[in-house]
């Protein structure tokens, strides 16, 4: 892994993410049936439990970036992810699953008693695409509601929302305002040095398979 000086760590409403650089490879349409057991197995191992999961698919060895989200009774229980690929997808899934279960600072570590009660969701991210815009209205016009995940940067202020957040913040202006707030800035903040990038995801949740 690159040294700390070469890494950008986001603290967001969806957890902490590490920004690196690499392009994610294509995955099978049913990748979730492989990835979700891997995530649960990584959590189980930390708890001293066992859970079956296969690791022999060649595409798991390619670099990839993912977010792991844990839900309990339809409420967030933890979320950690990587915005850009910097390691094998297999390792990214395992590390982010453990992070979501035990290292999300908003929640206490997952307990053995909770293990069976949480539902695991995985989001595979596309390549991050920087946006070019003249001002905030121009940026807002380019955001695709329900499609884009967005990364916000302004100096040391950084944040991101997965595309799933559009379910709660349906208007681009509202979406961006909350993104700025999560970065530690006023919702009405704007500066010519603001940088925005977008990405898309493919996601699977255990409860939906």
Protein backbone atom coordinates (compact mmCIF):
# COMPACT_ATOMS: atom_id res chain seq x y z
CA UNK A 1 0.00 0.00 0.00
CA UNK A 2 1.30 3.51 -0.73
CA UNK A 3 2.56 5.57 2.20
CA UNK A 4 0.11 7.65 4.23
CA UNK A 5 1.18 10.83 2.41
CA UNK A 6 -0.07 9.36 -0.87
CA UNK A 7 -3.48 8.44 0.49
CA UNK A 8 -6.64 10.54 0.82
CA UNK A 9 -8.96 9.37 3.60
CA UNK A 10 -12.59 10.48 3.46
CA UNK A 11 -14.77 10.57 6.57
CA UNK A 12 -18.34 10.45 5.30
CA UNK A 13 -21.90 9.66 6.19
CA UNK A 14 -21.18 6.20 4.86
CA UNK A 15 -17.97 5.63 6.78
CA UNK A 16 -14.26 6.14 6.01
CA UNK A 17 -12.89 5.59 2.52
CA UNK A 18 -9.37 5.52 1.15
CA UNK A 19 -8.71 7.18 -2.19
CA UNK A 20 -6.20 5.44 -4.44
CA UNK A 21 -5.82 5.07 -8.22
CA UNK A 22 -6.54 2.15 -10.53
CA UNK A 23 -9.27 1.09 -12.89
CA UNK A 24 -11.71 -1.61 -11.75
CA UNK A 25 -12.16 -4.65 -14.02
CA UNK A 26 -15.46 -6.00 -15.30
CA UNK A 27 -17.22 -8.50 -13.06
CA UNK A 28 -19.78 -11.27 -13.64
CA UNK A 29 -23.40 -10.18 -13.43
CA UNK A 30 -23.89 -12.47 -10.43
CA UNK A 31 -20.71 -11.33 -8.65
CA UNK A 32 -22.71 -10.65 -5.51
CA UNK A 33 -23.27 -14.38 -4.98
CA UNK A 34 -19.50 -14.71 -4.58
CA UNK A 35 -18.69 -11.42 -2.89
CA UNK A 36 -21.36 -11.39 -0.18
CA UNK A 37 -20.28 -14.73 1.34
CA UNK A 38 -16.68 -13.49 1.27
CA UNK A 39 -17.65 -10.38 3.21
CA UNK A 40 -19.64 -12.37 5.77
CA UNK A 41 -16.85 -14.94 6.11
CA UNK A 42 -14.33 -12.17 6.87
CA UNK A 43 -16.59 -10.84 9.63
CA UNK A 44 -17.21 -14.35 10.96
CA UNK A 45 -13.47 -15.02 11.17
CA UNK A 46 -12.96 -11.94 13.34
CA UNK A 47 -15.66 -13.22 15.67
CA UNK A 48 -14.15 -16.70 15.86
CA UNK A 49 -16.98 -18.16 13.76
CA UNK A 50 -16.92 -20.00 10.44
CA UNK A 51 -18.77 -19.21 7.22
CA UNK A 52 -18.27 -20.90 3.86
CA UNK A 53 -17.02 -18.76 0.95
CA UNK A 54 -15.15 -19.54 -2.25
CA UNK A 55 -12.05 -17.60 -3.26
CA UNK A 56 -11.02 -19.38 -6.45
CA UNK A 57 -12.58 -17.08 -9.07
CA UNK A 58 -9.78 -15.46 -11.13
CA UNK A 59 -11.49 -12.06 -11.28
CA UNK A 60 -11.15 -11.74 -7.50
CA UNK A 61 -7.40 -11.28 -8.04
CA UNK A 62 -7.85 -8.15 -10.14
CA UNK A 63 -7.84 -4.73 -8.53
CA UNK A 64 -11.26 -3.49 -7.50
CA UNK A 65 -12.96 -1.04 -5.18
CA UNK A 66 -16.03 -1.66 -3.05
CA UNK A 67 -18.14 -0.45 -0.16
CA UNK A 68 -19.48 -2.86 2.43
CA UNK A 69 -22.66 -1.75 4.19
CA UNK A 70 -24.20 -3.54 7.16
CA UNK A 71 -27.89 -3.11 7.95
CA UNK A 72 -29.86 -4.28 10.98
CA UNK A 73 -33.64 -3.95 11.03
CA UNK A 74 -33.34 -1.62 8.01
CA UNK A 75 -31.01 0.69 9.92
CA UNK A 76 -27.36 1.35 9.16
CA UNK A 77 -25.01 -0.71 11.35
CA UNK A 78 -21.71 0.11 9.65
CA UNK A 79 -20.22 1.10 6.31
CA UNK A 80 -16.63 1.27 5.12
CA UNK A 81 -15.36 1.43 1.55
CA UNK A 82 -12.64 2.23 -0.93
CA UNK A 83 -13.32 4.88 -3.54
CA UNK A 84 -10.65 3.80 -6.03
CA UNK A 85 -9.08 0.41 -6.53
CA UNK A 86 -5.60 -0.14 -5.08
CA UNK A 87 -5.54 -3.86 -4.21
CA UNK A 88 -7.05 -7.18 -5.23
CA UNK A 89 -10.84 -7.15 -5.01
CA UNK A 90 -10.68 -10.19 -2.72
CA UNK A 91 -8.60 -8.25 -0.21
CA UNK A 92 -10.68 -5.10 -0.60
CA UNK A 93 -13.88 -6.98 0.21
CA UNK A 94 -12.38 -8.66 3.26
CA UNK A 95 -10.79 -5.50 4.64
CA UNK A 96 -13.86 -3.35 4.13
CA UNK A 97 -16.16 -5.99 5.61
CA UNK A 98 -14.04 -6.12 8.75
CA UNK A 99 -13.91 -2.34 8.79
CA UNK A 100 -17.67 -1.97 8.48
CA UNK A 101 -18.26 -4.47 11.29
CA UNK A 102 -15.61 -3.38 13.74
CA UNK A 103 -14.02 -0.05 12.78
CA UNK A 104 -16.80 2.32 11.80
CA UNK A 105 -16.36 5.03 14.47
CA UNK A 106 -20.09 5.74 14.56
CA UNK A 107 -20.92 2.30 15.97
CA UNK A 108 -19.60 -0.14 18.58
CA UNK A 109 -17.90 -3.26 17.19
CA UNK A 110 -20.30 -5.91 15.95
CA UNK A 111 -20.95 -8.68 18.47
CA UNK A 112 -21.35 -12.39 17.95
CA UNK A 113 -24.99 -12.07 18.97
CA UNK A 114 -25.58 -9.59 16.15
CA UNK A 115 -23.84 -11.59 13.44
CA UNK A 116 -26.91 -13.40 12.16
CA UNK A 117 -29.11 -10.32 12.49
CA UNK A 118 -27.20 -8.03 10.12
CA UNK A 119 -27.67 -7.98 6.36
CA UNK A 120 -24.60 -7.40 4.20
CA UNK A 121 -24.67 -5.19 1.11
CA UNK A 122 -21.77 -4.75 -1.30
CA UNK A 123 -21.35 -1.98 -3.88
CA UNK A 124 -18.73 -2.33 -6.62
CA UNK A 125 -17.53 1.03 -7.86
CA UNK A 126 -16.75 2.16 -11.38
CA UNK A 127 -13.80 4.38 -12.23
CA UNK A 128 -14.00 7.82 -10.66
CA UNK A 129 -14.72 10.48 -13.31
CA UNK A 130 -13.81 14.15 -12.55
CA UNK A 131 -16.49 16.66 -13.49
CA UNK A 132 -15.73 19.85 -15.38
CA UNK A 133 -18.02 22.78 -14.52
CA UNK A 134 -18.01 26.58 -14.48
CA UNK A 135 -19.98 27.14 -11.27
CA UNK A 136 -22.31 25.36 -8.84
CA UNK A 137 -25.44 25.56 -11.04
CA UNK A 138 -23.43 24.03 -13.89
CA UNK A 139 -22.25 21.22 -11.59
CA UNK A 140 -25.78 20.56 -10.38
CA UNK A 141 -27.05 20.24 -13.96
CA UNK A 142 -24.53 17.46 -14.58
CA UNK A 143 -25.45 15.30 -11.59
CA UNK A 144 -27.64 12.32 -12.50
CA UNK A 145 -30.13 11.72 -9.70
CA UNK A 146 -30.38 8.07 -8.78
CA UNK A 147 -27.30 7.17 -10.82
CA UNK A 148 -24.21 9.03 -9.64
CA UNK A 149 -22.15 8.53 -6.56
CA UNK A 150 -20.35 11.81 -5.92
CA UNK A 151 -17.01 12.63 -4.31
CA UNK A 152 -16.48 16.19 -3.03
CA UNK A 153 -13.09 17.81 -2.43
CA UNK A 154 -12.11 21.25 -1.20
CA UNK A 155 -8.67 21.43 0.34
CA UNK A 156 -8.75 19.09 3.34
CA UNK A 157 -12.55 18.88 3.24
CA UNK A 158 -13.67 15.67 1.56
CA UNK A 159 -16.78 13.50 1.48
CA UNK A 160 -18.71 11.10 -0.70
CA UNK A 161 -22.22 9.71 -1.09
CA UNK A 162 -23.00 6.42 -2.80
CA UNK A 163 -25.77 6.51 -5.43
CA UNK A 164 -28.07 4.87 -2.88
CA UNK A 165 -28.23 8.19 -0.99
CA UNK A 166 -30.44 9.59 -3.78
CA UNK A 167 -33.23 7.50 -2.22
CA UNK A 168 -33.30 10.02 0.63
CA UNK A 169 -31.93 13.15 -1.06
CA UNK A 170 -33.74 13.29 -4.37
CA UNK A 171 -32.82 16.75 -5.66
CA UNK A 172 -29.26 17.55 -6.88
CA UNK A 173 -29.13 20.77 -4.84
CA UNK A 174 -30.16 18.91 -1.68
CA UNK A 175 -27.74 16.09 -2.43
CA UNK A 176 -24.80 18.45 -2.88
CA UNK A 177 -25.71 20.54 0.18
CA UNK A 178 -25.62 17.46 2.40
CA UNK A 179 -22.39 16.35 0.76
CA UNK A 180 -20.79 19.69 1.67
CA UNK A 181 -22.12 19.43 5.20
CA UNK A 182 -20.64 15.94 5.57
CA UNK A 183 -17.30 17.42 4.47
CA UNK A 184 -17.50 19.88 7.35
CA UNK A 185 -18.61 22.90 5.32
CA UNK A 186 -21.79 25.02 5.34
CA UNK A 187 -24.50 23.64 3.03
CA UNK A 188 -24.43 26.88 0.99
CA UNK A 189 -20.63 26.90 0.64
CA UNK A 190 -19.08 27.28 -2.80
CA UNK A 191 -15.62 28.13 -4.11
CA UNK A 192 -13.94 27.97 -7.50
CA UNK A 193 -11.51 25.40 -6.05
CA UNK A 194 -14.25 22.84 -5.32
CA UNK A 195 -13.66 19.52 -7.11
CA UNK A 196 -16.38 16.99 -7.84
CA UNK A 197 -16.10 13.50 -9.28
CA UNK A 198 -18.75 10.90 -9.95
CA UNK A 199 -18.97 7.14 -10.18
CA UNK A 200 -21.58 4.42 -10.51
CA UNK A 201 -22.02 1.16 -8.62
CA UNK A 202 -23.31 -2.35 -9.01
CA UNK A 203 -24.74 -3.52 -5.71
CA UNK A 204 -26.11 -6.66 -4.12
CA UNK A 205 -27.68 -7.29 -0.71
CA UNK A 206 -28.03 -10.66 0.98
CA UNK A 207 -31.73 -10.12 1.63
CA UNK A 208 -32.36 -9.66 -2.10
CA UNK A 209 -30.60 -12.80 -3.34
